[in-house]
Amino acid sequence: MTLASREVASLGDEPVVQTSRWTWTWKRFDDLSSADVYDLLALRSQVFVVEQDCAFLDTDYCDQPAWHLLGRLADETGRDSLVMYLRAIDAGVKYPAPSIGRVVVAERWRGHGLGRVLMVEGIARARLLWPREDLVIGAQQRLEAFYASLGFVPEGDVYDEDGIDHIRMRLSPRTSAIAE
């Protein structure tokens, strides 16, 4: 474990970006509970397979070496429901640089700025892990402007991934301000 990894691990479930409504879980795959894994796979399947009508194998062996950020909100019954999720992957697993992926907000919670809340939190945590490295995302092209608003810059051409147009984007460690 690197010094940065220890710092992030010691951070535990406390938010880097202060919010009062969310319960954050930030863990490596092997440290997630079975309920966490079930919830994140269910949310990803609901959005990426069912809503986007895209038959693809979501379990891509990139989850095991990744950090997972789960954002929960108590529903009307008091039960914490997973409403947003992303994973942060070490350099050399998916891309040469560290990456953020599987960014998802439950349908019911879209349109309230939670994608930005999730990404700001995820970028802040990734910066603790990899302070001097670029962060890469394989963004759905329709969301390019959203990621650009967070400081990501497109690189290369649009490419097809599982029938959906994507574009690789990069966030430099010199990008210090994230528009909120």
N, C-alpha and C. Protein backbone atom coordinates (compact mmCIF):
# COMPACT_ATOMS: atom_id res chain seq x y z
N MET A 1 0.86 -1.18 0.00
CA MET A 1 0.00 0.00 0.00
C MET A 1 0.89 1.23 0.00
N THR A 2 0.64 2.17 -0.93
CA THR A 2 1.43 3.39 -0.99
C THR A 2 0.96 4.34 0.10
N LEU A 3 1.75 5.37 0.34
CA LEU A 3 1.36 6.37 1.33
C LEU A 3 0.01 6.97 0.97
N ALA A 4 -0.17 7.31 -0.31
CA ALA A 4 -1.45 7.89 -0.72
C ALA A 4 -2.59 6.91 -0.47
N SER A 5 -2.37 5.63 -0.75
CA SER A 5 -3.43 4.65 -0.52
C SER A 5 -3.78 4.57 0.95
N ARG A 6 -2.77 4.64 1.83
CA ARG A 6 -3.04 4.61 3.26
C ARG A 6 -3.85 5.84 3.67
N GLU A 7 -3.50 7.00 3.11
CA GLU A 7 -4.24 8.22 3.46
C GLU A 7 -5.69 8.10 3.04
N VAL A 8 -5.93 7.59 1.85
CA VAL A 8 -7.30 7.44 1.37
C VAL A 8 -8.02 6.37 2.17
N ALA A 9 -7.34 5.27 2.48
CA ALA A 9 -7.97 4.21 3.27
C ALA A 9 -8.33 4.73 4.65
N SER A 10 -7.47 5.56 5.23
CA SER A 10 -7.78 6.10 6.55
C SER A 10 -8.91 7.11 6.50
N LEU A 11 -9.14 7.67 5.31
CA LEU A 11 -10.25 8.59 5.13
C LEU A 11 -11.57 7.87 5.36
N GLY A 12 -11.61 6.61 5.01
CA GLY A 12 -12.80 5.79 5.25
C GLY A 12 -14.00 6.30 4.48
N ASP A 13 -15.11 6.41 5.17
CA ASP A 13 -16.35 6.79 4.52
C ASP A 13 -16.67 8.28 4.69
N GLU A 14 -15.71 9.05 5.19
CA GLU A 14 -15.93 10.49 5.32
C GLU A 14 -15.80 11.15 3.96
N PRO A 15 -16.69 12.07 3.61
CA PRO A 15 -16.60 12.71 2.31
C PRO A 15 -15.40 13.63 2.22
N VAL A 16 -14.77 13.66 1.05
CA VAL A 16 -13.72 14.63 0.78
C VAL A 16 -14.39 15.97 0.54
N VAL A 17 -15.43 15.96 -0.29
CA VAL A 17 -16.23 17.14 -0.55
C VAL A 17 -17.37 17.10 0.47
N GLN A 18 -17.46 18.11 1.30
CA GLN A 18 -18.43 18.08 2.40
C GLN A 18 -19.87 18.19 1.89
N THR A 19 -20.65 17.21 2.24
CA THR A 19 -22.08 17.21 1.96
C THR A 19 -22.76 16.67 3.20
N SER A 20 -24.02 17.00 3.36
CA SER A 20 -24.71 16.55 4.56
C SER A 20 -25.72 15.44 4.29
N ARG A 21 -26.08 15.23 3.05
CA ARG A 21 -27.17 14.30 2.75
C ARG A 21 -26.72 12.89 2.44
N TRP A 22 -25.49 12.71 2.05
CA TRP A 22 -25.06 11.43 1.49
C TRP A 22 -24.26 10.61 2.48
N THR A 23 -24.39 9.32 2.34
CA THR A 23 -23.51 8.40 3.02
C THR A 23 -22.59 7.83 1.96
N TRP A 24 -21.30 8.04 2.11
CA TRP A 24 -20.33 7.57 1.13
C TRP A 24 -19.65 6.30 1.64
N THR A 25 -19.43 5.37 0.72
CA THR A 25 -18.59 4.21 0.97
C THR A 25 -17.47 4.26 -0.06
N TRP A 26 -16.23 4.16 0.39
CA TRP A 26 -15.05 4.22 -0.47
C TRP A 26 -14.14 3.07 -0.08
N LYS A 27 -14.15 2.03 -0.89
CA LYS A 27 -13.41 0.82 -0.52
C LYS A 27 -12.87 0.12 -1.75
N ARG A 28 -11.85 -0.69 -1.51
CA ARG A 28 -11.38 -1.63 -2.52
C ARG A 28 -12.41 -2.75 -2.62
N PHE A 29 -12.42 -3.44 -3.75
CA PHE A 29 -13.40 -4.48 -4.01
C PHE A 29 -13.46 -5.52 -2.89
N ASP A 30 -12.31 -6.02 -2.47
CA ASP A 30 -12.29 -7.07 -1.45
C ASP A 30 -12.81 -6.60 -0.09
N ASP A 31 -12.89 -5.30 0.11
CA ASP A 31 -13.38 -4.76 1.38
C ASP A 31 -14.86 -4.40 1.35
N LEU A 32 -15.48 -4.48 0.18
CA LEU A 32 -16.92 -4.21 0.07
C LEU A 32 -17.71 -5.37 0.67
N SER A 33 -18.86 -5.06 1.24
CA SER A 33 -19.74 -6.12 1.71
C SER A 33 -20.43 -6.77 0.51
N SER A 34 -20.99 -7.94 0.73
CA SER A 34 -21.74 -8.59 -0.36
C SER A 34 -22.94 -7.74 -0.76
N ALA A 35 -23.55 -7.05 0.19
CA ALA A 35 -24.67 -6.16 -0.13
C ALA A 35 -24.21 -4.98 -1.00
N ASP A 36 -23.03 -4.43 -0.70
CA ASP A 36 -22.49 -3.34 -1.53
C ASP A 36 -22.28 -3.82 -2.97
N VAL A 37 -21.66 -4.99 -3.13
CA VAL A 37 -21.39 -5.52 -4.46
C VAL A 37 -22.69 -5.77 -5.20
N TYR A 38 -23.67 -6.37 -4.52
CA TYR A 38 -24.96 -6.62 -5.16
C TYR A 38 -25.60 -5.30 -5.60
N ASP A 39 -25.61 -4.30 -4.72
CA ASP A 39 -26.23 -3.01 -5.03
C ASP A 39 -25.55 -2.33 -6.21
N LEU A 40 -24.22 -2.32 -6.23
CA LEU A 40 -23.54 -1.62 -7.32
C LEU A 40 -23.72 -2.34 -8.64
N LEU A 41 -23.71 -3.68 -8.63
CA LEU A 41 -23.94 -4.41 -9.87
C LEU A 41 -25.38 -4.24 -10.34
N ALA A 42 -26.32 -4.20 -9.41
CA ALA A 42 -27.73 -4.00 -9.78
C ALA A 42 -27.93 -2.62 -10.40
N LEU A 43 -27.34 -1.58 -9.80
CA LEU A 43 -27.49 -0.22 -10.34
C LEU A 43 -26.83 -0.13 -11.72
N ARG A 44 -25.63 -0.65 -11.85
CA ARG A 44 -24.96 -0.61 -13.14
C ARG A 44 -25.76 -1.36 -14.20
N SER A 45 -26.29 -2.52 -13.86
CA SER A 45 -27.09 -3.29 -14.83
C SER A 45 -28.36 -2.55 -15.21
N GLN A 46 -29.03 -1.95 -14.22
CA GLN A 46 -30.26 -1.22 -14.50
C GLN A 46 -30.01 -0.10 -15.51
N VAL A 47 -28.93 0.62 -15.34
CA VAL A 47 -28.66 1.76 -16.21
C VAL A 47 -27.98 1.34 -17.51
N PHE A 48 -26.86 0.65 -17.41
CA PHE A 48 -26.06 0.39 -18.60
C PHE A 48 -26.61 -0.72 -19.49
N VAL A 49 -27.33 -1.68 -18.92
CA VAL A 49 -27.86 -2.77 -19.73
C VAL A 49 -29.33 -2.53 -20.07
N VAL A 50 -30.16 -2.29 -19.04
CA VAL A 50 -31.60 -2.17 -19.27
C VAL A 50 -31.97 -0.82 -19.89
N GLU A 51 -31.67 0.29 -19.21
CA GLU A 51 -32.07 1.61 -19.72
C GLU A 51 -31.43 1.93 -21.06
N GLN A 52 -30.15 1.62 -21.19
CA GLN A 52 -29.44 1.97 -22.42
C GLN A 52 -29.54 0.88 -23.48
N ASP A 53 -30.31 -0.17 -23.16
CA ASP A 53 -30.56 -1.26 -24.09
C ASP A 53 -29.26 -1.73 -24.74
N CYS A 54 -28.31 -2.07 -23.88
CA CYS A 54 -26.97 -2.42 -24.34
C CYS A 54 -26.55 -3.74 -23.69
N ALA A 55 -26.60 -4.79 -24.47
CA ALA A 55 -26.19 -6.10 -23.95
C ALA A 55 -24.66 -6.17 -23.98
N PHE A 56 -24.05 -6.09 -22.81
CA PHE A 56 -22.59 -6.20 -22.71
C PHE A 56 -22.26 -6.84 -21.38
N LEU A 57 -21.04 -7.35 -21.27
CA LEU A 57 -20.60 -7.99 -20.04
C LEU A 57 -20.02 -6.93 -19.12
N ASP A 58 -20.79 -6.53 -18.13
CA ASP A 58 -20.38 -5.47 -17.20
C ASP A 58 -19.23 -5.91 -16.30
N THR A 59 -19.22 -7.18 -15.91
CA THR A 59 -18.16 -7.69 -15.05
C THR A 59 -16.93 -7.95 -15.92
N ASP A 60 -16.01 -6.98 -15.92
CA ASP A 60 -14.89 -6.96 -16.84
C ASP A 60 -13.53 -7.21 -16.19
N TYR A 61 -13.53 -7.68 -14.96
CA TYR A 61 -12.32 -7.95 -14.18
C TYR A 61 -11.53 -6.68 -13.85
N CYS A 62 -12.15 -5.53 -14.03
CA CYS A 62 -11.52 -4.28 -13.59
C CYS A 62 -12.05 -3.85 -12.23
N ASP A 63 -13.06 -4.54 -11.71
CA ASP A 63 -13.60 -4.19 -10.40
C ASP A 63 -12.66 -4.59 -9.26
N GLN A 64 -12.02 -5.74 -9.39
CA GLN A 64 -11.19 -6.24 -8.29
C GLN A 64 -10.04 -5.31 -7.94
N PRO A 65 -9.31 -4.73 -8.90
CA PRO A 65 -8.22 -3.83 -8.53
C PRO A 65 -8.65 -2.37 -8.34
N ALA A 66 -9.94 -2.11 -8.34
CA ALA A 66 -10.44 -0.73 -8.29
C ALA A 66 -10.86 -0.30 -6.89
N TRP A 67 -10.92 1.02 -6.72
CA TRP A 67 -11.59 1.64 -5.59
C TRP A 67 -13.03 1.88 -6.02
N HIS A 68 -13.98 1.72 -5.10
CA HIS A 68 -15.40 1.88 -5.43
C HIS A 68 -15.99 2.96 -4.53
N LEU A 69 -16.69 3.90 -5.16
CA LEU A 69 -17.35 4.98 -4.43
C LEU A 69 -18.85 4.80 -4.58
N LEU A 70 -19.52 4.53 -3.47
CA LEU A 70 -20.97 4.34 -3.46
C LEU A 70 -21.59 5.49 -2.68
N GLY A 71 -22.55 6.16 -3.29
CA GLY A 71 -23.28 7.23 -2.62
C GLY A 71 -24.69 6.78 -2.31
N ARG A 72 -25.02 6.78 -1.04
CA ARG A 72 -26.35 6.31 -0.60
C ARG A 72 -27.13 7.47 0.01
N LEU A 73 -28.44 7.35 -0.09
CA LEU A 73 -29.36 8.30 0.50
C LEU A 73 -30.47 7.51 1.15
N ALA A 74 -30.86 7.90 2.36
CA ALA A 74 -31.97 7.22 3.04
C ALA A 74 -33.27 7.54 2.30
N ASP A 75 -34.04 6.50 2.01
CA ASP A 75 -35.34 6.71 1.37
C ASP A 75 -36.40 6.99 2.42
N GLU A 76 -37.65 7.06 1.97
CA GLU A 76 -38.75 7.40 2.88
C GLU A 76 -38.96 6.38 3.99
N THR A 77 -38.45 5.16 3.82
CA THR A 77 -38.57 4.14 4.86
C THR A 77 -37.39 4.16 5.82
N GLY A 78 -36.39 5.01 5.52
CA GLY A 78 -35.19 5.06 6.35
C GLY A 78 -34.09 4.13 5.87
N ARG A 79 -34.38 3.34 4.84
CA ARG A 79 -33.38 2.42 4.27
C ARG A 79 -32.45 3.20 3.35
N ASP A 80 -31.15 2.96 3.49
CA ASP A 80 -30.19 3.60 2.59
C ASP A 80 -30.23 2.92 1.24
N SER A 81 -30.47 3.71 0.19
CA SER A 81 -30.50 3.19 -1.18
C SER A 81 -29.30 3.73 -1.93
N LEU A 82 -28.71 2.89 -2.77
CA LEU A 82 -27.60 3.33 -3.60
C LEU A 82 -28.16 4.20 -4.72
N VAL A 83 -27.73 5.44 -4.78
CA VAL A 83 -28.24 6.35 -5.81
C VAL A 83 -27.16 6.78 -6.79
N MET A 84 -25.87 6.60 -6.43
CA MET A 84 -24.80 6.96 -7.36
C MET A 84 -23.57 6.13 -7.05
N TYR A 85 -22.77 5.95 -8.11
CA TYR A 85 -21.63 5.05 -7.99
C TYR A 85 -20.60 5.38 -9.07
N LEU A 86 -19.32 5.16 -8.74
CA LEU A 86 -18.25 5.14 -9.73
C LEU A 86 -17.12 4.27 -9.21
N ARG A 87 -16.22 3.93 -10.11
CA ARG A 87 -15.02 3.20 -9.70
C ARG A 87 -13.80 3.95 -10.20
N ALA A 88 -12.73 3.87 -9.43
CA ALA A 88 -11.45 4.48 -9.77
C ALA A 88 -10.43 3.34 -9.89
N ILE A 89 -9.79 3.27 -11.05
CA ILE A 89 -8.95 2.13 -11.38
C ILE A 89 -7.48 2.55 -11.46
N ASP A 90 -6.63 1.73 -10.88
CA ASP A 90 -5.19 1.98 -10.90
C ASP A 90 -4.65 2.05 -12.33
N ALA A 91 -3.57 2.79 -12.50
CA ALA A 91 -2.87 2.86 -13.78
C ALA A 91 -2.46 1.45 -14.20
N GLY A 92 -2.54 1.22 -15.51
CA GLY A 92 -2.09 -0.05 -16.06
C GLY A 92 -3.13 -1.15 -16.09
N VAL A 93 -4.31 -0.90 -15.52
CA VAL A 93 -5.37 -1.91 -15.54
C VAL A 93 -6.23 -1.75 -16.78
N LYS A 94 -6.79 -0.59 -16.97
CA LYS A 94 -7.65 -0.32 -18.13
C LYS A 94 -6.93 0.60 -19.13
N TYR A 95 -6.24 1.59 -18.61
CA TYR A 95 -5.47 2.55 -19.40
C TYR A 95 -4.09 2.68 -18.75
N PRO A 96 -3.14 3.27 -19.47
CA PRO A 96 -1.82 3.49 -18.85
C PRO A 96 -1.89 4.41 -17.61
N ALA A 97 -2.85 5.33 -17.60
CA ALA A 97 -3.04 6.25 -16.47
C ALA A 97 -4.19 5.75 -15.60
N PRO A 98 -4.29 6.23 -14.36
CA PRO A 98 -5.46 5.91 -13.53
C PRO A 98 -6.73 6.39 -14.24
N SER A 99 -7.83 5.72 -13.96
CA SER A 99 -9.06 6.09 -14.64
C SER A 99 -10.27 6.05 -13.71
N ILE A 100 -11.29 6.77 -14.13
CA ILE A 100 -12.59 6.76 -13.46
C ILE A 100 -13.59 6.20 -14.45
N GLY A 101 -14.46 5.32 -14.00
CA GLY A 101 -15.43 4.74 -14.91
C GLY A 101 -16.67 4.24 -14.20
N ARG A 102 -17.58 3.69 -15.02
CA ARG A 102 -18.86 3.17 -14.53
C ARG A 102 -19.58 4.23 -13.68
N VAL A 103 -19.51 5.47 -14.14
CA VAL A 103 -20.15 6.59 -13.43
C VAL A 103 -21.65 6.49 -13.67
N VAL A 104 -22.42 6.40 -12.58
CA VAL A 104 -23.84 6.16 -12.75
C VAL A 104 -24.64 6.81 -11.61
N VAL A 105 -25.78 7.38 -12.00
CA VAL A 105 -26.75 7.91 -11.04
C VAL A 105 -28.08 7.24 -11.35
N ALA A 106 -28.75 6.76 -10.32
CA ALA A 106 -30.05 6.10 -10.51
C ALA A 106 -31.03 7.05 -11.20
N GLU A 107 -31.84 6.50 -12.09
CA GLU A 107 -32.75 7.30 -12.91
C GLU A 107 -33.60 8.27 -12.09
N ARG A 108 -34.13 7.79 -11.00
CA ARG A 108 -35.01 8.61 -10.15
C ARG A 108 -34.32 9.88 -9.64
N TRP A 109 -32.98 9.85 -9.54
CA TRP A 109 -32.23 10.95 -8.94
C TRP A 109 -31.52 11.83 -9.96
N ARG A 110 -31.74 11.59 -11.24
CA ARG A 110 -31.10 12.43 -12.27
C ARG A 110 -31.78 13.78 -12.35
N GLY A 111 -31.03 14.76 -12.82
CA GLY A 111 -31.58 16.10 -12.99
C GLY A 111 -31.47 16.95 -11.74
N HIS A 112 -30.72 16.46 -10.74
CA HIS A 112 -30.55 17.20 -9.49
C HIS A 112 -29.08 17.54 -9.22
N GLY A 113 -28.23 17.37 -10.23
CA GLY A 113 -26.81 17.69 -10.07
C GLY A 113 -26.00 16.62 -9.38
N LEU A 114 -26.56 15.43 -9.22
CA LEU A 114 -25.84 14.39 -8.49
C LEU A 114 -24.67 13.81 -9.28
N GLY A 115 -24.73 13.86 -10.60
CA GLY A 115 -23.59 13.43 -11.39
C GLY A 115 -22.37 14.28 -11.07
N ARG A 116 -22.59 15.57 -10.93
CA ARG A 116 -21.50 16.49 -10.57
C ARG A 116 -21.03 16.22 -9.14
N VAL A 117 -21.96 16.04 -8.22
CA VAL A 117 -21.58 15.72 -6.83
C VAL A 117 -20.71 14.48 -6.81
N LEU A 118 -21.14 13.44 -7.52
CA LEU A 118 -20.41 12.18 -7.57
C LEU A 118 -19.03 12.37 -8.17
N MET A 119 -18.93 13.05 -9.30
CA MET A 119 -17.64 13.23 -9.96
C MET A 119 -16.70 14.11 -9.14
N VAL A 120 -17.20 15.16 -8.53
CA VAL A 120 -16.35 16.00 -7.69
C VAL A 120 -15.77 15.17 -6.54
N GLU A 121 -16.62 14.37 -5.91
CA GLU A 121 -16.17 13.50 -4.83
C GLU A 121 -15.16 12.48 -5.34
N GLY A 122 -15.47 11.86 -6.47
CA GLY A 122 -14.57 10.86 -7.04
C GLY A 122 -13.23 11.43 -7.47
N ILE A 123 -13.24 12.60 -8.09
CA ILE A 123 -11.99 13.24 -8.50
C ILE A 123 -11.16 13.59 -7.27
N ALA A 124 -11.80 14.13 -6.24
CA ALA A 124 -11.08 14.50 -5.02
C ALA A 124 -10.40 13.27 -4.40
N ARG A 125 -11.11 12.16 -4.36
CA ARG A 125 -10.52 10.94 -3.79
C ARG A 125 -9.41 10.39 -4.70
N ALA A 126 -9.62 10.44 -6.01
CA ALA A 126 -8.59 9.98 -6.95
C ALA A 126 -7.34 10.85 -6.84
N ARG A 127 -7.51 12.13 -6.61
CA ARG A 127 -6.36 13.03 -6.46
C ARG A 127 -5.55 12.69 -5.20
N LEU A 128 -6.21 12.20 -4.17
CA LEU A 128 -5.47 11.75 -2.99
C LEU A 128 -4.64 10.51 -3.30
N LEU A 129 -5.18 9.64 -4.14
CA LEU A 129 -4.45 8.42 -4.52
C LEU A 129 -3.33 8.71 -5.52
N TRP A 130 -3.64 9.53 -6.51
CA TRP A 130 -2.73 9.77 -7.62
C TRP A 130 -2.57 11.28 -7.85
N PRO A 131 -1.91 11.99 -6.94
CA PRO A 131 -1.88 13.46 -7.02
C PRO A 131 -1.12 14.01 -8.22
N ARG A 132 -0.20 13.28 -8.78
CA ARG A 132 0.63 13.80 -9.87
C ARG A 132 0.33 13.15 -11.22
N GLU A 133 -0.75 12.40 -11.30
CA GLU A 133 -1.06 11.68 -12.53
C GLU A 133 -2.34 12.20 -13.17
N ASP A 134 -2.38 12.12 -14.50
CA ASP A 134 -3.61 12.42 -15.21
C ASP A 134 -4.66 11.38 -14.83
N LEU A 135 -5.92 11.75 -14.94
CA LEU A 135 -7.03 10.81 -14.81
C LEU A 135 -7.68 10.68 -16.18
N VAL A 136 -8.01 9.46 -16.56
CA VAL A 136 -8.60 9.19 -17.87
C VAL A 136 -10.01 8.66 -17.68
N ILE A 137 -10.89 9.02 -18.59
CA ILE A 137 -12.22 8.42 -18.64
C ILE A 137 -12.54 8.06 -20.09
N GLY A 138 -13.29 7.02 -20.27
CA GLY A 138 -13.87 6.67 -21.56
C GLY A 138 -15.32 7.10 -21.49
N ALA A 139 -15.58 8.36 -21.83
CA ALA A 139 -16.90 8.97 -21.62
C ALA A 139 -17.85 8.66 -22.77
N GLN A 140 -19.12 8.47 -22.44
CA GLN A 140 -20.12 8.43 -23.50
C GLN A 140 -20.10 9.81 -24.15
N GLN A 141 -20.04 9.84 -25.47
CA GLN A 141 -19.87 11.11 -26.17
C GLN A 141 -20.97 12.11 -25.85
N ARG A 142 -22.17 11.65 -25.60
CA ARG A 142 -23.27 12.57 -25.30
C ARG A 142 -23.02 13.32 -23.99
N LEU A 143 -22.09 12.84 -23.18
CA LEU A 143 -21.77 13.48 -21.90
C LEU A 143 -20.44 14.25 -21.95
N GLU A 144 -19.91 14.45 -23.14
CA GLU A 144 -18.62 15.11 -23.29
C GLU A 144 -18.62 16.51 -22.66
N ALA A 145 -19.66 17.29 -22.88
CA ALA A 145 -19.71 18.65 -22.32
C ALA A 145 -19.75 18.62 -20.79
N PHE A 146 -20.45 17.65 -20.23
CA PHE A 146 -20.49 17.52 -18.77
C PHE A 146 -19.08 17.28 -18.22
N TYR A 147 -18.37 16.31 -18.79
CA TYR A 147 -17.02 16.02 -18.30
C TYR A 147 -16.07 17.18 -18.58
N ALA A 148 -16.26 17.86 -19.70
CA ALA A 148 -15.43 19.05 -20.00
C ALA A 148 -15.64 20.11 -18.93
N SER A 149 -16.87 20.23 -18.41
CA SER A 149 -17.15 21.22 -17.36
C SER A 149 -16.42 20.91 -16.06
N LEU A 150 -15.94 19.68 -15.94
CA LEU A 150 -15.15 19.27 -14.77
C LEU A 150 -13.65 19.37 -15.03
N GLY A 151 -13.29 19.79 -16.24
CA GLY A 151 -11.88 19.96 -16.59
C GLY A 151 -11.29 18.90 -17.49
N PHE A 152 -12.07 17.87 -17.83
CA PHE A 152 -11.58 16.83 -18.73
C PHE A 152 -11.49 17.38 -20.15
N VAL A 153 -10.45 16.96 -20.87
CA VAL A 153 -10.21 17.40 -22.24
C VAL A 153 -10.27 16.17 -23.15
N PRO A 154 -11.03 16.27 -24.26
CA PRO A 154 -11.11 15.11 -25.16
C PRO A 154 -9.78 14.84 -25.84
N GLU A 155 -9.52 13.54 -26.11
CA GLU A 155 -8.34 13.18 -26.88
C GLU A 155 -8.72 12.04 -27.82
N GLY A 156 -8.28 12.18 -29.05
CA GLY A 156 -8.58 11.15 -30.03
C GLY A 156 -9.96 11.30 -30.62
N ASP A 157 -10.32 10.28 -31.38
CA ASP A 157 -11.60 10.27 -32.10
C ASP A 157 -12.67 9.56 -31.29
N VAL A 158 -13.90 9.81 -31.67
CA VAL A 158 -15.04 9.10 -31.09
C VAL A 158 -14.92 7.65 -31.53
N TYR A 159 -15.22 6.72 -30.61
CA TYR A 159 -15.14 5.30 -30.91
C TYR A 159 -16.40 4.61 -30.40
N ASP A 160 -16.70 3.49 -30.99
CA ASP A 160 -17.86 2.70 -30.59
C ASP A 160 -17.46 1.71 -29.50
N GLU A 161 -18.19 1.73 -28.41
CA GLU A 161 -18.01 0.72 -27.37
C GLU A 161 -19.37 0.15 -27.06
N ASP A 162 -19.57 -1.09 -27.44
CA ASP A 162 -20.83 -1.79 -27.20
C ASP A 162 -22.03 -1.06 -27.80
N GLY A 163 -21.84 -0.47 -28.98
CA GLY A 163 -22.93 0.19 -29.67
C GLY A 163 -23.21 1.61 -29.22
N ILE A 164 -22.38 2.17 -28.36
CA ILE A 164 -22.56 3.54 -27.86
C ILE A 164 -21.29 4.32 -28.16
N ASP A 165 -21.45 5.53 -28.74
CA ASP A 165 -20.30 6.38 -29.03
C ASP A 165 -19.65 6.86 -27.75
N HIS A 166 -18.33 6.72 -27.69
CA HIS A 166 -17.51 7.13 -26.55
C HIS A 166 -16.36 8.01 -27.03
N ILE A 167 -15.79 8.74 -26.10
CA ILE A 167 -14.58 9.51 -26.37
C ILE A 167 -13.69 9.46 -25.13
N ARG A 168 -12.41 9.24 -25.38
CA ARG A 168 -11.45 9.25 -24.26
C ARG A 168 -11.20 10.70 -23.87
N MET A 169 -11.18 10.95 -22.57
CA MET A 169 -10.94 12.29 -22.05
C MET A 169 -9.92 12.20 -20.92
N ARG A 170 -9.19 13.30 -20.71
CA ARG A 170 -8.10 13.31 -19.74
C ARG A 170 -8.19 14.55 -18.87
N LEU A 171 -7.95 14.35 -17.58
CA LEU A 171 -7.92 15.45 -16.61
C LEU A 171 -6.49 15.55 -16.07
N SER A 172 -5.88 16.69 -16.29
CA SER A 172 -4.50 16.91 -15.84
C SER A 172 -4.47 17.17 -14.34
N PRO A 173 -3.38 16.76 -13.67
CA PRO A 173 -3.27 17.08 -12.24
C PRO A 173 -3.12 18.58 -12.01
N ARG A 174 -2.78 19.32 -13.07
CA ARG A 174 -2.65 20.78 -12.94
C ARG A 174 -4.01 21.46 -12.93
N THR A 175 -5.06 20.72 -13.26
CA THR A 175 -6.41 21.28 -13.21
C THR A 175 -6.81 21.35 -11.74
N SER A 176 -6.78 22.56 -11.19
CA SER A 176 -7.01 22.67 -9.75
C SER A 176 -8.44 23.05 -9.38
N ALA A 177 -9.12 23.71 -10.29
CA ALA A 177 -10.48 24.16 -9.94
C ALA A 177 -11.49 23.29 -10.66
N ILE A 178 -12.48 22.83 -9.94
CA ILE A 178 -13.60 22.10 -10.51
C ILE A 178 -14.82 22.97 -10.35
N ALA A 179 -15.44 23.29 -11.48
CA ALA A 179 -16.63 24.15 -11.43
C ALA A 179 -17.74 23.42 -10.69
N GLU A 180 -18.29 24.06 -9.69
CA GLU A 180 -19.39 23.44 -8.95
C GLU A 180 -20.60 24.19 -9.23
